[in-house]
Protein backbone atom coordinates (compact mmCIF):
# COMPACT_ATOMS: atom_id res chain seq x y z
CA UNK A 1 62.49 14.88 3.61
CA UNK A 2 65.69 12.76 3.42
CA UNK A 3 64.08 10.85 0.55
CA UNK A 4 63.48 14.14 -1.25
CA UNK A 5 67.12 15.20 -0.87
CA UNK A 6 68.37 11.81 -2.04
CA UNK A 7 66.21 11.48 -5.16
CA UNK A 8 65.72 15.09 -6.27
CA UNK A 9 68.01 16.61 -8.91
CA UNK A 10 67.88 20.34 -9.67
CA UNK A 11 67.14 21.53 -13.20
CA UNK A 12 69.77 21.35 -15.94
CA UNK A 13 69.87 24.57 -17.96
CA UNK A 14 71.94 22.91 -20.72
CA UNK A 15 68.78 21.09 -21.87
CA UNK A 16 67.16 24.39 -22.77
CA UNK A 17 68.88 25.35 -26.01
CA UNK A 18 67.58 26.16 -29.45
CA UNK A 19 67.21 28.59 -32.28
CA UNK A 20 67.31 32.32 -31.62
CA UNK A 21 65.30 34.52 -33.98
CA UNK A 22 65.54 37.68 -31.90
CA UNK A 23 65.25 39.12 -28.42
CA UNK A 24 61.88 40.88 -28.83
CA UNK A 25 58.89 39.13 -27.26
CA UNK A 26 57.34 38.17 -30.59
CA UNK A 27 60.48 36.27 -31.63
CA UNK A 28 61.21 34.40 -28.40
CA UNK A 29 61.32 30.66 -27.90
CA UNK A 30 60.84 28.77 -24.65
CA UNK A 31 64.56 28.23 -24.00
CA UNK A 32 64.94 32.02 -23.88
CA UNK A 33 62.36 32.57 -21.14
CA UNK A 34 62.51 29.46 -18.94
CA UNK A 35 63.95 29.84 -15.45
CA UNK A 36 65.79 26.89 -13.90
CA UNK A 37 65.44 26.52 -10.13
CA UNK A 38 66.61 24.32 -7.28
CA UNK A 39 63.68 23.31 -5.09
CA UNK A 40 66.03 22.70 -2.18
CA UNK A 41 66.35 26.47 -1.79
CA UNK A 42 64.31 27.83 1.10
CA UNK A 43 62.78 30.87 -0.59
CA UNK A 44 60.79 30.10 -3.73
CA UNK A 45 58.31 32.43 -5.40
CA UNK A 46 56.38 30.51 -8.02
CA UNK A 47 53.25 32.64 -8.24
CA UNK A 48 51.70 32.45 -11.71
CA UNK A 49 54.33 29.92 -12.77
CA UNK A 50 53.91 26.68 -14.67
CA UNK A 51 56.56 24.44 -13.13
CA UNK A 52 58.04 21.53 -15.06
CA UNK A 53 59.04 18.55 -12.96
CA UNK A 54 60.33 15.27 -14.35
CA UNK A 55 59.64 11.84 -12.87
CA UNK A 56 62.46 9.65 -14.17
CA UNK A 57 60.98 6.32 -13.25
CA UNK A 58 59.40 3.38 -15.02
CA UNK A 59 59.84 0.76 -12.33
CA UNK A 60 56.03 0.60 -12.25
CA UNK A 61 56.02 -0.24 -15.95
CA UNK A 62 58.62 -2.96 -15.40
CA UNK A 63 56.53 -4.46 -12.61
CA UNK A 64 53.50 -4.26 -14.90
CA UNK A 65 55.33 -6.14 -17.68
CA UNK A 66 55.26 -3.16 -20.01
CA UNK A 67 57.94 -1.75 -22.29
CA UNK A 68 60.57 0.05 -20.24
CA UNK A 69 62.14 3.35 -21.28
CA UNK A 70 59.73 6.05 -20.06
CA UNK A 71 62.17 7.13 -17.35
CA UNK A 72 64.18 8.92 -20.06
CA UNK A 73 61.20 10.99 -21.20
CA UNK A 74 61.53 14.16 -19.07
CA UNK A 75 64.86 15.35 -20.52
CA UNK A 76 63.94 14.01 -23.97
CA UNK A 77 60.79 16.12 -24.01
CA UNK A 78 62.53 19.20 -22.57
CA UNK A 79 64.79 19.34 -25.63
CA UNK A 80 61.73 19.53 -27.88
CA UNK A 81 59.90 22.03 -25.67
CA UNK A 82 62.97 24.26 -25.67
CA UNK A 83 62.49 25.33 -29.28
CA UNK A 84 58.74 26.06 -29.15
CA UNK A 85 57.74 29.67 -29.86
CA UNK A 86 56.42 31.83 -27.03
CA UNK A 87 52.68 32.37 -27.47
CA UNK A 88 51.62 32.43 -23.83
CA UNK A 89 50.80 35.45 -21.68
CA UNK A 90 53.84 37.50 -20.73
CA UNK A 91 52.72 37.47 -17.08
CA UNK A 92 53.17 33.69 -16.96
CA UNK A 93 56.45 32.34 -15.62
CA UNK A 94 57.94 29.22 -17.17
CA UNK A 95 60.02 27.33 -14.60
CA UNK A 96 61.99 24.09 -14.74
CA UNK A 97 62.31 22.53 -11.30
CA UNK A 98 64.38 19.48 -12.29
CA UNK A 99 63.71 15.78 -11.78
CA UNK A 100 62.85 13.17 -9.20
CA UNK A 101 64.89 10.04 -9.96
CA UNK A 102 64.10 6.48 -8.98
CA UNK A 103 66.73 4.69 -6.93
CA UNK A 104 67.03 1.41 -8.81
CA UNK A 105 63.87 -0.58 -8.17
CA UNK A 106 62.66 1.52 -5.24
CA UNK A 107 59.43 2.86 -6.74
CA UNK A 108 57.91 3.65 -3.36
CA UNK A 109 60.69 6.07 -2.37
CA UNK A 110 60.49 7.79 -5.74
CA UNK A 111 56.74 8.29 -5.28
CA UNK A 112 57.29 9.62 -1.77
CA UNK A 113 59.85 12.13 -3.05
CA UNK A 114 57.61 13.21 -5.92
CA UNK A 115 54.68 13.86 -3.58
CA UNK A 116 56.93 16.07 -1.42
CA UNK A 117 58.07 18.08 -4.44
CA UNK A 118 54.52 18.53 -5.76
CA UNK A 119 53.46 19.79 -2.34
CA UNK A 120 56.41 22.20 -2.34
CA UNK A 121 55.50 23.58 -5.77
CA UNK A 122 51.88 24.11 -4.78
CA UNK A 123 52.73 25.74 -1.45
CA UNK A 124 55.02 28.14 -3.34
CA UNK A 125 52.17 29.20 -5.65
CA UNK A 126 53.08 27.20 -8.76
CA UNK A 127 51.07 25.05 -11.17
CA UNK A 128 52.77 21.62 -11.39
CA UNK A 129 53.30 20.22 -14.87
CA UNK A 130 54.83 16.79 -14.44
CA UNK A 131 56.50 14.69 -17.10
CA UNK A 132 56.78 10.95 -16.51
CA UNK A 133 57.86 8.27 -16.36
CA UNK A 134 55.29 5.56 -16.07
CA UNK A 135 51.72 6.06 -14.94
CA UNK A 136 52.78 5.26 -11.41
CA UNK A 137 53.26 9.04 -11.43
CA UNK A 138 49.54 9.44 -10.67
CA UNK A 139 49.70 7.93 -7.20
CA UNK A 140 52.49 10.30 -6.15
CA UNK A 141 51.10 13.36 -7.93
CA UNK A 142 47.72 12.95 -6.25
CA UNK A 143 49.33 12.44 -2.84
CA UNK A 144 51.17 15.73 -3.24
CA UNK A 145 47.98 17.54 -4.15
CA UNK A 146 45.94 15.81 -1.44
CA UNK A 147 48.02 17.44 1.25
CA UNK A 148 46.19 20.71 0.54
CA UNK A 149 43.03 19.30 2.16
CA UNK A 150 40.90 20.19 -0.87
CA UNK A 151 38.61 17.71 -2.65
CA UNK A 152 40.42 16.64 -5.81
CA UNK A 153 38.86 15.22 -8.94
CA UNK A 154 41.12 13.23 -11.26
CA UNK A 155 40.49 13.16 -14.99
CA UNK A 156 42.49 10.46 -16.71
CA UNK A 157 42.92 10.42 -20.50
CA UNK A 158 43.91 6.82 -20.98
CA UNK A 159 43.13 3.57 -22.76
CA UNK A 160 43.40 1.79 -19.40
CA UNK A 161 41.64 2.28 -16.07
CA UNK A 162 44.84 1.61 -14.09
CA UNK A 163 42.73 0.32 -11.22
CA UNK A 164 44.11 -3.19 -10.80
CA UNK A 165 44.86 -4.59 -7.32
CA UNK A 166 48.44 -4.68 -6.10
CA UNK A 167 50.65 -7.58 -7.11
CA UNK A 168 52.70 -9.09 -4.28
CA UNK A 169 51.58 -6.11 -2.18
CA UNK A 170 53.46 -3.74 -4.48
CA UNK A 171 52.10 -0.99 -6.72
CA UNK A 172 52.88 -0.61 -10.40
CA UNK A 173 51.89 1.55 -13.37
CA UNK A 174 48.43 -0.04 -13.43
CA UNK A 175 47.49 0.26 -9.75
CA UNK A 176 47.54 3.99 -8.91
CA UNK A 177 43.79 4.49 -8.90
CA UNK A 178 43.21 1.30 -6.93
CA UNK A 179 45.69 2.44 -4.29
CA UNK A 180 44.18 5.91 -4.04
CA UNK A 181 40.66 4.52 -3.89
CA UNK A 182 41.57 2.16 -1.04
CA UNK A 183 43.42 4.79 0.97
CA UNK A 184 40.66 7.36 0.63
CA UNK A 185 38.07 4.75 1.62
CA UNK A 186 40.09 3.99 4.76
CA UNK A 187 39.90 7.72 5.59
CA UNK A 188 36.15 7.81 5.09
CA UNK A 189 36.44 9.53 1.71
CA UNK A 190 35.78 8.63 -1.88
CA UNK A 191 37.97 8.89 -4.95
CA UNK A 192 36.49 11.18 -7.58
CA UNK A 193 37.69 9.68 -10.83
CA UNK A 194 36.64 10.34 -14.44
CA UNK A 195 38.32 8.17 -17.08
CA UNK A 196 38.18 9.32 -20.71
CA UNK A 197 39.25 7.31 -23.76
CA UNK A 198 38.90 3.91 -22.11
CA UNK A 199 38.95 0.94 -24.50
CA UNK A 200 37.16 -2.31 -23.81
CA UNK A 201 39.93 -4.25 -25.54
CA UNK A 202 42.44 -2.88 -23.00
CA UNK A 203 40.50 -3.73 -19.83
CA UNK A 204 38.96 -6.94 -18.52
CA UNK A 205 35.24 -7.04 -17.81
CA UNK A 206 36.07 -7.69 -14.17
CA UNK A 207 38.12 -4.49 -13.99
CA UNK A 208 35.41 -2.47 -15.72
CA UNK A 209 32.78 -3.84 -13.34
CA UNK A 210 34.96 -3.09 -10.31
CA UNK A 211 35.56 0.48 -11.44
CA UNK A 212 31.85 1.08 -11.96
CA UNK A 213 31.07 -0.40 -8.54
CA UNK A 214 33.44 2.15 -7.02
CA UNK A 215 31.68 5.06 -8.68
CA UNK A 216 34.24 5.67 -11.42
CA UNK A 217 32.76 7.60 -14.33
CA UNK A 218 33.86 6.14 -17.66
CA UNK A 219 33.75 7.73 -21.10
CA UNK A 220 34.79 5.19 -23.70
CA UNK A 221 36.96 5.95 -26.70
CA UNK A 222 33.98 5.09 -28.91
CA UNK A 223 32.03 7.99 -27.38
CA UNK A 224 34.56 10.60 -28.52
CA UNK A 225 33.06 11.25 -31.94
CA UNK A 226 32.76 14.80 -33.25
CA UNK A 227 28.97 14.66 -32.94
CA UNK A 228 29.19 13.69 -29.26
CA UNK A 229 31.83 16.12 -27.96
CA UNK A 230 29.28 18.49 -26.42
CA UNK A 231 27.79 15.56 -24.44
CA UNK A 232 31.26 14.66 -23.16
CA UNK A 233 31.91 18.28 -22.21
CA UNK A 234 28.68 18.31 -20.20
CA UNK A 235 29.81 15.19 -18.33
CA UNK A 236 33.13 16.85 -17.52
CA UNK A 237 31.34 19.96 -16.26
CA UNK A 238 29.08 17.85 -14.03
CA UNK A 239 32.09 15.98 -12.66
CA UNK A 240 33.94 19.22 -11.91
CA UNK A 241 31.01 20.57 -9.89
CA UNK A 242 31.58 17.79 -7.33
CA UNK A 243 35.18 18.78 -6.45
CA UNK A 244 37.30 21.74 -5.38
CA UNK A 245 40.00 21.31 -8.00
CA UNK A 246 40.88 19.16 -11.00
CA UNK A 247 44.03 17.20 -11.73
CA UNK A 248 44.44 16.00 -15.33
CA UNK A 249 46.69 13.07 -16.18
CA UNK A 250 47.34 12.18 -19.82
CA UNK A 251 48.70 8.74 -20.61
CA UNK A 252 50.12 8.96 -24.12
CA UNK A 253 48.83 5.47 -24.92
CA UNK A 254 45.35 6.96 -25.14
CA UNK A 255 46.28 8.03 -28.69
CA UNK A 256 46.29 5.84 -31.79
CA UNK A 257 49.63 4.15 -32.38
CA UNK A 258 50.21 5.99 -35.65
CA UNK A 259 50.37 9.25 -33.69
CA UNK A 260 51.91 7.88 -30.49
CA UNK A 261 54.17 4.89 -31.19
CA UNK A 262 56.57 5.83 -28.39
CA UNK A 263 54.62 4.59 -25.37
CA UNK A 264 54.81 1.77 -22.86
CA UNK A 265 51.76 0.00 -24.36
CA UNK A 266 50.75 0.91 -27.91
CA UNK A 267 47.07 1.49 -28.65
CA UNK A 268 46.34 0.80 -32.30
CA UNK A 269 42.77 2.17 -32.21
CA UNK A 270 43.13 5.03 -29.73
CA UNK A 271 42.22 8.70 -30.01
CA UNK A 272 43.08 10.52 -33.22
CA UNK A 273 44.32 14.00 -32.20
CA UNK A 274 42.09 15.89 -34.62
CA UNK A 275 39.95 19.02 -34.37
CA UNK A 276 37.30 17.31 -32.23
CA UNK A 277 39.88 16.09 -29.75
CA UNK A 278 41.43 19.53 -29.38
CA UNK A 279 37.99 21.04 -28.88
CA UNK A 280 37.57 18.65 -25.95
CA UNK A 281 41.07 19.38 -24.67
CA UNK A 282 40.52 23.14 -24.87
CA UNK A 283 37.35 22.74 -22.82
CA UNK A 284 39.33 20.86 -20.17
CA UNK A 285 42.18 23.35 -20.16
CA UNK A 286 39.84 26.32 -19.84
CA UNK A 287 38.16 24.99 -16.71
CA UNK A 288 39.00 27.29 -13.78
CA UNK A 289 39.36 24.34 -11.38
CA UNK A 290 42.18 22.73 -13.35
CA UNK A 291 45.29 23.21 -11.22
CA UNK A 292 47.73 20.49 -12.20
CA UNK A 293 48.53 18.14 -15.09
CA UNK A 294 50.99 15.43 -16.04
CA UNK A 295 52.08 13.52 -19.11
CA UNK A 296 52.73 9.80 -18.59
CA UNK A 297 54.32 6.87 -20.43
CA UNK A 298 56.09 8.72 -23.20
CA UNK A 299 58.79 6.21 -24.15
CA UNK A 300 61.70 7.65 -26.18
CA UNK A 301 63.07 4.18 -26.93
CA UNK A 302 60.17 3.43 -29.29
CA UNK A 303 59.36 6.91 -30.56
CA UNK A 304 59.45 7.06 -34.36
CA UNK A 305 60.45 10.47 -35.77
CA UNK A 306 59.74 12.00 -32.34
CA UNK A 307 56.01 11.70 -33.12
CA UNK A 308 54.89 10.96 -29.57
CA UNK A 309 57.14 13.60 -28.02
CA UNK A 310 55.95 16.25 -30.47
CA UNK A 311 52.34 15.36 -29.75
CA UNK A 312 53.08 15.65 -26.02
CA UNK A 313 54.80 18.97 -26.66
CA UNK A 314 51.71 20.25 -28.43
CA UNK A 315 49.50 19.17 -25.52
CA UNK A 316 51.71 21.24 -23.23
CA UNK A 317 51.88 24.13 -25.72
CA UNK A 318 48.08 24.30 -25.78
CA UNK A 319 47.90 24.11 -21.98
CA UNK A 320 50.04 27.23 -21.58
CA UNK A 321 47.59 29.21 -23.69
CA UNK A 322 44.96 28.84 -20.94
CA UNK A 323 46.91 31.33 -18.83
């Protein structure tokens, strides 16, 4: 808990500013309805609330020799979300719970603090919506959800499997699923992991073989054609039947570089966010077992015309419609 107090920063209401078209519901924008909270308060009521939480850390990306800068993404994205129009159900609460910061190079403490905060949000009735940061967010996010004792299935939209062994006994942005898999195995359990959008050019054959040997279900980027979306949806439905709840993590490098240049590792031939993709995303969002999501590796330093951030904002905008 001391780690939580040291690395947690309450929400900053000054980030939520924007245009005002009126005070009636049909004219509202997100900055007019968001509630900023301090998770260090004892009494929190987050029932039916989507709770934003930033993970200001890309130490995992640095260790993984990627492009640093994703730690600035949470506040960068908030400023874009602030001006979105309110289309979601009026019974839904929109809450900003602030950020977990990394303390220099201490990734492990940042992950510990994030797991505590995720657990706190869930125990208070909220739906965590995390904004990274590097994809080291997954290890901490899962650990926070795992505390519930329910069987969790992770769906990862990503060009990479992020299942590489630790380097010098330390985790990084590419090791989260390896770490989780090892820890669950030690507890006599098995990681339920479905990876969507994987590219052969972004993963070694050894890594692909290892993932398959561990029971990871892989849907390659090449399988995401419009004619094959229903097959992919069936695979997602079958995967969801094996777990109690779903956690969706979206690494922005799963998208083609023209649409997502602002990432830690650009993918020139990734997913094109067209009608077929959003049909798949809507299917995922509508699943009743989906309880938590995060956006990873948005890197403001390399984001041309805010393209990546606006794509991420639309992913979140669409998610809120599920409620």
